[in-house]
Amino acid sequence: MDKNTIRDDLAFRSKCVDYGLDWNEFNVYNDIIILNSPKTDIFVLLDDNYNTIGIHKLNNSNQMKSIEEYAIKYRDLYNYVDYNNESNLLYPFQNFSLKQIADLAKRVDFYNNHIIVNGKYVVDGHENTYISLLAYIKFLGMQIEQYFLNAYQMKILDFEYPEVHSYLKSIMINIDECINMHIDKKTRPFPIDIIQHLGQDKEEIEKWNKELYKIINLLLNEKGFKIVEGFEQYRDIETIEKNEMNLSDLSLNLLKILDVPKDKIGENKLDFNMETINLQSWLEQDLSETKKLKLANSKIHN
């Protein structure tokens, strides 16, 4: 990784702006970018896709040697799945690393009723399970970004902050809890209900609306419910045959999206002249069990 190339990359500069940091003040160690903060003992760590992988506060004087040592640990925690970690993500993403979530989230965008994946216009039906899973991944990816911004501020102010896996696991637990509470009341949950259950700012609901509607439908169907059709009963849910598909297996199929090299995809900006894709057909084409395991790209830490 060349420092000049990184410095001139607008995506890198945008990440620095997010944290209010100087894009000239950084070092590179292996494939890790180490951003300096106004405090000499606090660093923001990025991977080669400019995903934040950690915020670290040093506790000793041998700073550069120590931050490099910690950088490797943060990279491994971010890149791989530790199946001995009780704070791992929950079903259906228990086999996903944070890196896979973050990288997939960057490959997909939702524009009202339109979905773009790898720069291609998705023509699958909107109730397609893969699209709903991608909506969940997109939401979690945005939560990871917000987590690190919050963690940076807390570190600067010398406060402790929960570990990122625990934070995301709690988000998933609370989403599921909100869905179950509404099922018990036989009413449908709306995105605002999820946001309030997470304790997040309801004024920013527009950021998550598209993704949350699909997450709600996905989890309702998986539990054997659906929203009643028709205007007069739009707040009601009804029982349906429970979805017996293994969402974890389907989620692993989505990792094929990351097999497409970044230089082979366009921007995820809505353009009706862009190339189209039937996502389900493409994902399931010649997808064997061996391929699934290869796509998982996870590592067990004993």
Protein backbone atom coordinates (compact mmCIF):
# COMPACT_ATOMS: atom_id res chain seq x y z
CA MET A 1 0.00 0.00 0.00
CA ASP A 2 1.60 3.22 -1.21
CA LYS A 3 1.09 6.25 1.06
CA ASN A 4 0.83 8.72 -1.81
CA THR A 5 -1.80 6.62 -3.57
CA ILE A 6 -3.78 6.33 -0.36
CA ARG A 7 -3.49 10.05 0.39
CA ASP A 8 -4.79 10.96 -3.09
CA ASP A 9 -7.77 8.59 -2.88
CA LEU A 10 -11.00 10.57 -2.33
CA ALA A 11 -12.55 7.63 -0.48
CA PHE A 12 -9.70 7.73 2.04
CA ARG A 13 -10.02 11.49 2.43
CA SER A 14 -13.75 11.15 2.97
CA LYS A 15 -13.11 8.64 5.76
CA CYS A 16 -10.68 11.06 7.41
CA VAL A 17 -13.28 13.82 7.20
CA ASP A 18 -15.79 11.55 8.96
CA TYR A 19 -13.46 11.45 11.95
CA GLY A 20 -12.28 15.05 11.61
CA LEU A 21 -8.71 13.87 11.04
CA ASP A 22 -5.87 15.12 8.84
CA TRP A 23 -5.39 12.81 5.83
CA ASN A 24 -1.67 13.61 5.83
CA GLU A 25 -1.21 12.19 9.33
CA PHE A 26 -1.07 8.42 8.97
CA ASN A 27 1.23 5.43 8.70
CA VAL A 28 0.86 2.09 6.93
CA TYR A 29 1.71 -1.23 8.52
CA ASN A 30 1.26 -4.30 6.30
CA ASP A 31 -2.28 -3.80 4.94
CA ILE A 32 -3.42 -1.60 7.83
CA ILE A 33 -3.70 2.19 7.75
CA ILE A 34 -2.99 3.81 11.12
CA LEU A 35 -4.56 7.28 11.39
CA ASN A 36 -3.16 9.67 13.98
CA SER A 37 -5.60 11.58 16.17
CA PRO A 38 -5.12 14.88 18.03
CA LYS A 39 -4.20 12.75 21.04
CA THR A 40 -0.87 10.97 20.61
CA ASP A 41 -2.11 7.80 22.31
CA ILE A 42 -5.31 7.29 20.26
CA PHE A 43 -5.37 5.80 16.74
CA VAL A 44 -8.00 4.95 14.15
CA LEU A 45 -7.22 1.74 12.22
CA LEU A 46 -8.45 1.17 8.66
CA ASP A 47 -8.19 -1.78 6.28
CA ASP A 48 -7.33 -1.55 2.58
CA ASN A 49 -11.00 -0.86 1.74
CA TYR A 50 -10.97 2.05 4.23
CA ASN A 51 -13.26 0.18 6.59
CA THR A 52 -12.60 1.10 10.20
CA ILE A 53 -11.35 -2.01 12.00
CA GLY A 54 -10.60 -0.54 15.40
CA ILE A 55 -10.10 2.47 17.67
CA HIS A 56 -7.18 1.99 20.04
CA LYS A 57 -5.87 3.90 23.03
CA LEU A 58 -2.31 3.08 24.04
CA ASN A 59 -1.34 2.60 27.64
CA ASN A 60 2.44 2.70 27.41
CA SER A 61 5.22 4.88 26.07
CA ASN A 62 6.61 2.64 23.28
CA GLN A 63 3.89 3.86 20.99
CA MET A 64 4.62 2.87 17.40
CA LYS A 65 5.77 -0.65 18.22
CA SER A 66 2.69 -1.14 20.37
CA ILE A 67 0.15 0.23 17.92
CA GLU A 68 1.55 -1.98 15.17
CA GLU A 69 1.27 -4.99 17.45
CA TYR A 70 -2.33 -4.14 18.32
CA ALA A 71 -3.16 -3.39 14.69
CA ILE A 72 -2.65 -7.06 13.75
CA LYS A 73 -4.98 -8.17 16.54
CA TYR A 74 -7.66 -5.74 15.43
CA ARG A 75 -7.29 -6.89 11.82
CA ASP A 76 -7.71 -10.55 12.76
CA LEU A 77 -10.75 -9.85 14.95
CA TYR A 78 -12.29 -7.89 12.08
CA ASN A 79 -11.38 -10.24 9.23
CA TYR A 80 -12.17 -13.62 10.73
CA VAL A 81 -14.83 -15.45 12.71
CA ASP A 82 -13.81 -16.63 16.16
CA TYR A 83 -16.29 -19.40 16.97
CA ASN A 84 -15.18 -19.36 20.61
CA ASN A 85 -16.38 -15.77 20.98
CA GLU A 86 -19.85 -15.65 22.57
CA SER A 87 -20.33 -12.14 21.18
CA ASN A 88 -20.27 -13.27 17.54
CA LEU A 89 -23.08 -12.19 15.24
CA LEU A 90 -26.30 -14.17 15.48
CA TYR A 91 -28.26 -16.27 12.98
CA PRO A 92 -28.34 -15.92 10.02
CA PHE A 93 -24.93 -14.18 9.99
CA GLN A 94 -23.11 -16.25 12.61
CA ASN A 95 -20.56 -17.38 10.01
CA PHE A 96 -19.76 -13.84 8.84
CA SER A 97 -16.82 -11.68 9.82
CA LEU A 98 -17.25 -7.96 10.31
CA LYS A 99 -15.20 -7.44 7.16
CA GLN A 100 -17.57 -9.53 5.09
CA ILE A 101 -20.56 -7.60 6.44
CA ALA A 102 -18.90 -4.23 5.79
CA ASP A 103 -17.63 -5.15 2.32
CA LEU A 104 -21.01 -6.57 1.25
CA ALA A 105 -22.79 -3.48 2.56
CA LYS A 106 -20.65 -1.37 0.23
CA ARG A 107 -21.65 -3.49 -2.78
CA VAL A 108 -25.41 -2.91 -2.40
CA ASP A 109 -27.63 0.18 -2.35
CA PHE A 110 -31.39 0.60 -2.03
CA TYR A 111 -33.17 3.41 -3.91
CA ASN A 112 -36.86 3.32 -2.95
CA ASN A 113 -38.04 0.28 -4.96
CA HIS A 114 -34.76 -0.23 -6.79
CA ILE A 115 -31.76 -2.29 -5.73
CA ILE A 116 -28.24 -2.02 -7.14
CA VAL A 117 -25.65 -4.76 -6.52
CA ASN A 118 -22.10 -4.53 -7.87
CA GLY A 119 -23.21 -1.68 -10.09
CA LYS A 120 -26.01 -3.75 -11.70
CA TYR A 121 -29.75 -3.21 -11.52
CA VAL A 122 -31.43 -6.14 -9.72
CA VAL A 123 -34.57 -7.42 -11.47
CA ASP A 124 -35.63 -10.01 -8.88
CA GLY A 125 -38.97 -9.53 -7.14
CA HIS A 126 -38.82 -7.32 -4.07
CA GLU A 127 -39.91 -10.15 -1.76
CA ASN A 128 -36.87 -12.19 -2.77
CA THR A 129 -35.15 -13.55 0.34
CA TYR A 130 -31.67 -12.67 -0.92
CA ILE A 131 -32.68 -9.02 -1.24
CA SER A 132 -34.08 -9.03 2.29
CA LEU A 133 -30.86 -10.57 3.62
CA LEU A 134 -28.85 -7.91 1.79
CA ALA A 135 -31.05 -5.25 3.40
CA TYR A 136 -30.18 -6.69 6.82
CA ILE A 137 -26.48 -6.74 5.91
CA LYS A 138 -26.68 -3.15 4.63
CA PHE A 139 -28.26 -2.06 7.92
CA LEU A 140 -25.60 -3.86 9.98
CA GLY A 141 -22.86 -2.38 7.80
CA MET A 142 -24.14 1.11 8.53
CA GLN A 143 -24.34 0.25 12.23
CA ILE A 144 -20.67 -0.81 12.18
CA GLU A 145 -19.68 2.55 10.68
CA GLN A 146 -21.69 4.44 13.29
CA TYR A 147 -20.29 2.26 16.09
CA PHE A 148 -16.70 3.21 15.30
CA LEU A 149 -17.53 6.92 15.01
CA ASN A 150 -19.15 6.76 18.45
CA ALA A 151 -16.29 4.67 19.86
CA TYR A 152 -13.75 7.22 18.61
CA GLN A 153 -15.53 10.06 20.40
CA MET A 154 -15.74 8.01 23.61
CA LYS A 155 -12.03 7.16 23.45
CA ILE A 156 -11.13 10.81 22.88
CA LEU A 157 -13.18 11.70 25.98
CA ASP A 158 -11.48 8.87 27.91
CA PHE A 159 -14.60 6.73 28.32
CA GLU A 160 -14.87 2.97 27.81
CA TYR A 161 -17.06 1.64 25.01
CA PRO A 162 -18.48 -1.86 24.36
CA GLU A 163 -16.68 -4.22 22.00
CA VAL A 164 -18.01 -4.09 18.43
CA HIS A 165 -19.21 -7.71 18.22
CA SER A 166 -21.14 -7.32 21.49
CA TYR A 167 -22.66 -4.09 20.19
CA LEU A 168 -23.89 -5.67 16.93
CA LYS A 169 -25.13 -8.78 18.71
CA SER A 170 -27.20 -6.55 21.00
CA ILE A 171 -28.62 -4.73 17.95
CA MET A 172 -29.71 -8.05 16.44
CA ILE A 173 -31.20 -9.26 19.73
CA ASN A 174 -33.21 -6.07 20.12
CA ILE A 175 -34.52 -6.19 16.56
CA ASP A 176 -35.71 -9.75 17.12
CA GLU A 177 -37.19 -8.78 20.48
CA CYS A 178 -39.16 -5.94 18.89
CA ILE A 179 -40.54 -8.30 16.20
CA ASN A 180 -41.59 -10.84 18.87
CA MET A 181 -43.30 -8.18 20.98
CA HIS A 182 -45.44 -7.15 18.03
CA ILE A 183 -46.22 -10.75 17.16
CA ASP A 184 -47.49 -11.22 20.72
CA LYS A 185 -49.76 -8.20 20.20
CA LYS A 186 -50.76 -9.45 16.73
CA THR A 187 -49.68 -6.15 15.18
CA ARG A 188 -47.05 -5.41 12.56
CA PRO A 189 -43.87 -3.59 13.53
CA PHE A 190 -42.85 -0.54 11.52
CA PRO A 191 -39.29 0.76 11.02
CA ILE A 192 -39.92 3.47 13.62
CA ASP A 193 -40.71 0.73 16.17
CA ILE A 194 -37.33 -0.91 15.49
CA ILE A 195 -35.49 2.41 15.73
CA GLN A 196 -37.16 3.27 19.04
CA HIS A 197 -36.45 -0.21 20.40
CA LEU A 198 -32.77 0.35 19.55
CA GLY A 199 -32.80 3.74 21.27
CA GLN A 200 -31.71 5.48 18.09
CA ASP A 201 -32.69 8.91 16.79
CA LYS A 202 -36.14 8.62 15.21
CA GLU A 203 -35.49 11.85 13.30
CA GLU A 204 -33.04 9.89 11.13
CA ILE A 205 -35.51 7.15 10.24
CA GLU A 206 -35.19 7.96 6.53
CA LYS A 207 -31.66 6.53 6.60
CA TRP A 208 -32.95 3.08 7.43
CA ASN A 209 -36.56 2.93 6.20
CA LYS A 210 -35.98 0.88 3.03
CA GLU A 211 -33.75 -1.65 4.74
CA LEU A 212 -35.90 -2.00 7.87
CA TYR A 213 -39.12 -2.72 5.96
CA LYS A 214 -37.36 -5.66 4.29
CA ILE A 215 -35.79 -6.84 7.57
CA ILE A 216 -39.21 -6.82 9.23
CA ASN A 217 -40.78 -8.86 6.43
CA LEU A 218 -37.85 -11.30 6.45
CA LEU A 219 -38.09 -11.97 10.19
CA LEU A 220 -41.89 -12.12 10.24
CA ASN A 221 -41.91 -14.71 7.45
CA GLU A 222 -39.21 -16.72 9.16
CA LYS A 223 -41.38 -16.85 12.29
CA GLY A 224 -44.50 -17.87 10.31
CA PHE A 225 -46.28 -14.51 9.90
CA LYS A 226 -46.95 -11.92 7.24
CA ILE A 227 -48.56 -8.50 7.04
CA VAL A 228 -52.25 -8.61 6.11
CA GLU A 229 -52.91 -7.16 2.67
CA GLY A 230 -55.34 -4.30 2.21
CA PHE A 231 -55.46 -0.72 3.47
CA GLU A 232 -57.92 -1.25 6.32
CA GLN A 233 -55.87 -4.01 7.96
CA TYR A 234 -52.39 -2.72 7.20
CA ARG A 235 -51.49 -2.82 10.90
CA ASP A 236 -52.38 -6.49 11.29
CA ILE A 237 -50.40 -9.70 10.79
CA GLU A 238 -51.63 -13.19 10.01
CA THR A 239 -50.23 -16.69 10.35
CA ILE A 240 -48.66 -18.34 7.31
CA GLU A 241 -46.70 -21.52 6.76
CA LYS A 242 -43.37 -21.01 8.50
CA ASN A 243 -40.43 -20.41 6.20
CA GLU A 244 -38.23 -23.51 6.60
CA MET A 245 -35.37 -22.21 4.47
CA ASN A 246 -32.03 -22.04 6.24
CA LEU A 247 -31.27 -18.33 6.06
CA SER A 248 -27.70 -18.96 7.18
CA ASP A 249 -27.00 -21.09 4.10
CA LEU A 250 -28.63 -18.53 1.82
CA SER A 251 -26.58 -15.78 3.44
CA LEU A 252 -23.35 -17.58 2.60
CA ASN A 253 -24.37 -17.58 -1.05
CA LEU A 254 -24.28 -13.78 -0.94
CA LEU A 255 -20.52 -13.87 -0.47
CA LYS A 256 -20.27 -14.62 -4.18
CA ILE A 257 -20.93 -10.88 -4.64
CA LEU A 258 -17.45 -10.21 -3.22
CA ASP A 259 -15.86 -12.49 -5.83
CA VAL A 260 -16.42 -9.76 -8.43
CA PRO A 261 -13.25 -7.61 -8.48
CA LYS A 262 -13.78 -4.00 -7.49
CA ASP A 263 -12.32 -2.77 -10.78
CA LYS A 264 -15.02 -4.74 -12.66
CA ILE A 265 -17.99 -2.96 -11.10
CA GLY A 266 -19.44 0.48 -11.61
CA GLU A 267 -20.74 2.92 -9.07
CA ASN A 268 -23.91 1.93 -7.23
CA LYS A 269 -25.78 4.91 -8.63
CA LEU A 270 -29.22 4.45 -10.12
CA ASP A 271 -29.07 4.57 -13.93
CA PHE A 272 -31.78 2.88 -15.94
CA ASN A 273 -29.32 2.25 -18.77
CA MET A 274 -27.14 0.10 -16.52
CA GLU A 275 -26.69 -3.64 -16.88
CA THR A 276 -29.31 -5.80 -15.12
CA ILE A 277 -28.95 -8.98 -13.09
CA ASN A 278 -31.26 -11.66 -11.74
CA LEU A 279 -29.57 -11.95 -8.40
CA GLN A 280 -31.00 -15.29 -7.31
CA SER A 281 -30.18 -17.04 -10.58
CA TRP A 282 -26.64 -15.67 -10.56
CA LEU A 283 -26.00 -16.53 -6.90
CA GLU A 284 -27.25 -20.10 -7.23
CA GLN A 285 -25.61 -20.89 -10.55
CA ASP A 286 -23.28 -23.89 -10.08
CA LEU A 287 -23.12 -23.24 -6.32
CA SER A 288 -22.00 -26.49 -4.68
CA GLU A 289 -21.44 -27.21 -1.00
CA THR A 290 -17.70 -26.95 -1.61
CA LYS A 291 -18.17 -23.51 -3.11
CA LYS A 292 -20.22 -22.40 -0.11
CA LEU A 293 -17.42 -23.35 2.25
CA LYS A 294 -14.89 -21.55 0.11
CA LEU A 295 -17.04 -18.41 0.01
CA ALA A 296 -17.40 -18.38 3.79
CA ASN A 297 -13.71 -17.46 4.07
CA SER A 298 -13.81 -17.70 7.84
CA LYS A 299 -11.17 -18.77 10.33
CA ILE A 300 -11.51 -20.47 13.70
CA HIS A 301 -9.36 -19.09 16.51
CA ASN A 302 -8.79 -21.71 19.18
